[in-house]
Amino acid sequence: MIAIVTILFAFPLGFFLRSHLAANVAYAVAYLWAFVFQGVYLTRMWVGGDDSAFPKDPDTMPVGYGLVCCAIFGVGFGLVALGHRVASRRHSKAPAHA
């Protein structure tokens, strides 16, 4: 879920929003919504007996899950920055209409 949100929204937000800060905040809000939704979904699955996302032992910390989520979050900010850079280069190369 968070990977899909990152792929669908990060680059376009960086490309279409002029403010880099606004693009980062918009991406963070979209990512965090998806993260909460995904967390609730995976927790419900875990309570039902599925231990593919989280360890079976509730005292064990799911470090791998946290690292993957942080990596996806970072990649998203990189895509926002790339979209912003592509848009700024495209606008600077466009001929001025008088």
C-alpha atoms as a PDB file:
ATOM      1  CA  MET A   1       0.000   0.000   0.000  1.00  0.00           C
ATOM      2  CA  ILE A   2       2.692   2.524   0.947  1.00  0.00           C
ATOM      3  CA  ALA A   3       4.781   1.546  -2.063  1.00  0.00           C
ATOM      4  CA  ILE A   4       1.796   2.091  -4.358  1.00  0.00           C
ATOM      5  CA  VAL A   5       1.082   5.515  -2.836  1.00  0.00           C
ATOM      6  CA  THR A   6       4.758   6.431  -3.197  1.00  0.00           C
ATOM      7  CA  ILE A   7       4.889   5.385  -6.846  1.00  0.00           C
ATOM      8  CA  LEU A   8       1.595   7.068  -7.749  1.00  0.00           C
ATOM      9  CA  PHE A   9       1.986  10.357  -5.881  1.00  0.00           C
ATOM     10  CA  ALA A  10       5.603  11.262  -5.049  1.00  0.00           C
ATOM     11  CA  PHE A  11       6.954  12.233  -8.477  1.00  0.00           C
ATOM     12  CA  PRO A  12       3.760  13.977  -9.691  1.00  0.00           C
ATOM     13  CA  LEU A  13       3.540  16.025  -6.486  1.00  0.00           C
ATOM     14  CA  GLY A  14       7.122  17.177  -6.934  1.00  0.00           C
ATOM     15  CA  PHE A  15       6.484  17.926 -10.594  1.00  0.00           C
ATOM     16  CA  PHE A  16       3.186  19.788 -10.352  1.00  0.00           C
ATOM     17  CA  LEU A  17       3.529  21.723  -7.093  1.00  0.00           C
ATOM     18  CA  ARG A  18       5.789  24.754  -7.370  1.00  0.00           C
ATOM     19  CA  SER A  19       6.663  24.752  -3.680  1.00  0.00           C
ATOM     20  CA  HIS A  20       9.054  21.981  -2.753  1.00  0.00           C
ATOM     21  CA  LEU A  21       7.871  22.205   0.854  1.00  0.00           C
ATOM     22  CA  ALA A  22       4.221  21.858  -0.158  1.00  0.00           C
ATOM     23  CA  ALA A  23       5.074  18.819  -2.300  1.00  0.00           C
ATOM     24  CA  ASN A  24       6.961  17.186   0.582  1.00  0.00           C
ATOM     25  CA  VAL A  25       4.129  17.853   3.030  1.00  0.00           C
ATOM     26  CA  ALA A  26       1.505  16.555   0.593  1.00  0.00           C
ATOM     27  CA  TYR A  27       3.550  13.390   0.002  1.00  0.00           C
ATOM     28  CA  ALA A  28       4.088  12.900   3.743  1.00  0.00           C
ATOM     29  CA  VAL A  29       0.350  13.210   4.406  1.00  0.00           C
ATOM     30  CA  ALA A  30      -0.500  10.712   1.645  1.00  0.00           C
ATOM     31  CA  TYR A  31       2.207   8.299   2.819  1.00  0.00           C
ATOM     32  CA  LEU A  32       1.201   8.519   6.470  1.00  0.00           C
ATOM     33  CA  TRP A  33      -2.456   7.911   5.629  1.00  0.00           C
ATOM     34  CA  ALA A  34      -1.456   4.808   3.670  1.00  0.00           C
ATOM     35  CA  PHE A  35       0.920   3.720   6.454  1.00  0.00           C
ATOM     36  CA  VAL A  36      -1.838   3.856   9.070  1.00  0.00           C
ATOM     37  CA  PHE A  37      -4.269   2.054   6.762  1.00  0.00           C
ATOM     38  CA  GLN A  38      -1.654  -0.610   6.001  1.00  0.00           C
ATOM     39  CA  GLY A  39      -0.747  -0.977   9.666  1.00  0.00           C
ATOM     40  CA  VAL A  40      -4.360  -1.532  10.675  1.00  0.00           C
ATOM     41  CA  TYR A  41      -4.844  -4.029   7.844  1.00  0.00           C
ATOM     42  CA  LEU A  42      -1.690  -5.993   8.753  1.00  0.00           C
ATOM     43  CA  THR A  43      -2.560  -5.945  12.451  1.00  0.00           C
ATOM     44  CA  ARG A  44      -5.991  -7.377  11.694  1.00  0.00           C
ATOM     45  CA  MET A  45      -4.344 -10.096   9.618  1.00  0.00           C
ATOM     46  CA  TRP A  46      -1.862 -10.813  12.432  1.00  0.00           C
ATOM     47  CA  VAL A  47      -4.648 -11.101  15.019  1.00  0.00           C
ATOM     48  CA  GLY A  48      -6.322 -13.569  12.684  1.00  0.00           C
ATOM     49  CA  GLY A  49      -3.215 -15.770  12.686  1.00  0.00           C
ATOM     50  CA  ASP A  50      -1.217 -14.545   9.666  1.00  0.00           C
ATOM     51  CA  ASP A  51       2.404 -13.979  10.685  1.00  0.00           C
ATOM     52  CA  SER A  52       3.832 -13.111   7.260  1.00  0.00           C
ATOM     53  CA  ALA A  53       4.273  -9.394   8.075  1.00  0.00           C
ATOM     54  CA  PHE A  54       4.912  -9.510  11.812  1.00  0.00           C
ATOM     55  CA  PRO A  55       6.608 -12.136  13.991  1.00  0.00           C
ATOM     56  CA  LYS A  56       4.391 -14.636  15.769  1.00  0.00           C
ATOM     57  CA  ASP A  57       5.836 -13.609  19.161  1.00  0.00           C
ATOM     58  CA  PRO A  58       4.280 -10.258  20.189  1.00  0.00           C
ATOM     59  CA  ASP A  59       7.403  -9.420  22.224  1.00  0.00           C
ATOM     60  CA  THR A  60       9.598  -9.507  19.105  1.00  0.00           C
ATOM     61  CA  MET A  61      10.133  -6.164  17.409  1.00  0.00           C
ATOM     62  CA  PRO A  62       9.405  -6.236  13.627  1.00  0.00           C
ATOM     63  CA  VAL A  63      12.623  -4.403  12.689  1.00  0.00           C
ATOM     64  CA  GLY A  64      12.539  -5.509   9.062  1.00  0.00           C
ATOM     65  CA  TYR A  65       9.079  -4.060   8.555  1.00  0.00           C
ATOM     66  CA  GLY A  66      10.191  -0.748  10.044  1.00  0.00           C
ATOM     67  CA  LEU A  67      13.301  -0.571   7.873  1.00  0.00           C
ATOM     68  CA  VAL A  68      11.365  -1.289   4.700  1.00  0.00           C
ATOM     69  CA  CYS A  69       8.770   1.370   5.573  1.00  0.00           C
ATOM     70  CA  CYS A  70      11.510   3.945   6.290  1.00  0.00           C
ATOM     71  CA  ALA A  71      13.266   3.094   3.035  1.00  0.00           C
ATOM     72  CA  ILE A  72      10.049   3.546   1.038  1.00  0.00           C
ATOM     73  CA  PHE A  73       9.426   6.874   2.815  1.00  0.00           C
ATOM     74  CA  GLY A  74      12.938   8.056   1.884  1.00  0.00           C
ATOM     75  CA  VAL A  75      12.577   6.924  -1.725  1.00  0.00           C
ATOM     76  CA  GLY A  76       9.355   8.909  -1.900  1.00  0.00           C
ATOM     77  CA  PHE A  77      11.093  12.102  -0.804  1.00  0.00           C
ATOM     78  CA  GLY A  78      13.743  11.394  -3.423  1.00  0.00           C
ATOM     79  CA  LEU A  79      11.035  11.077  -6.073  1.00  0.00           C
ATOM     80  CA  VAL A  80       9.462  14.344  -4.919  1.00  0.00           C
ATOM     81  CA  ALA A  81      12.856  16.043  -5.273  1.00  0.00           C
ATOM     82  CA  LEU A  82      13.375  14.470  -8.705  1.00  0.00           C
ATOM     83  CA  GLY A  83       9.946  15.632  -9.863  1.00  0.00           C
ATOM     84  CA  HIS A  84      10.671  19.140  -8.615  1.00  0.00           C
ATOM     85  CA  ARG A  85      14.046  19.176 -10.393  1.00  0.00           C
ATOM     86  CA  VAL A  86      12.573  17.912 -13.677  1.00  0.00           C
ATOM     87  CA  ALA A  87       9.811  20.514 -13.527  1.00  0.00           C
ATOM     88  CA  SER A  88      12.224  23.368 -12.766  1.00  0.00           C
ATOM     89  CA  ARG A  89      14.487  22.354 -15.660  1.00  0.00           C
ATOM     90  CA  ARG A  90      11.514  22.056 -17.976  1.00  0.00           C
ATOM     91  CA  HIS A  91      10.235  25.522 -16.983  1.00  0.00           C
ATOM     92  CA  SER A  92      13.672  27.107 -17.394  1.00  0.00           C
ATOM     93  CA  LYS A  93      14.083  25.682 -20.919  1.00  0.00           C
ATOM     94  CA  ALA A  94      10.618  26.744 -22.065  1.00  0.00           C
ATOM     95  CA  PRO A  95      10.670  29.790 -24.344  1.00  0.00           C
ATOM     96  CA  ALA A  96       9.168  32.908 -22.828  1.00  0.00           C
ATOM     97  CA  HIS A  97       5.989  34.062 -24.562  1.00  0.00           C
ATOM     98  CA  ALA A  98       5.645  37.796 -24.766  1.00  0.00           C
END
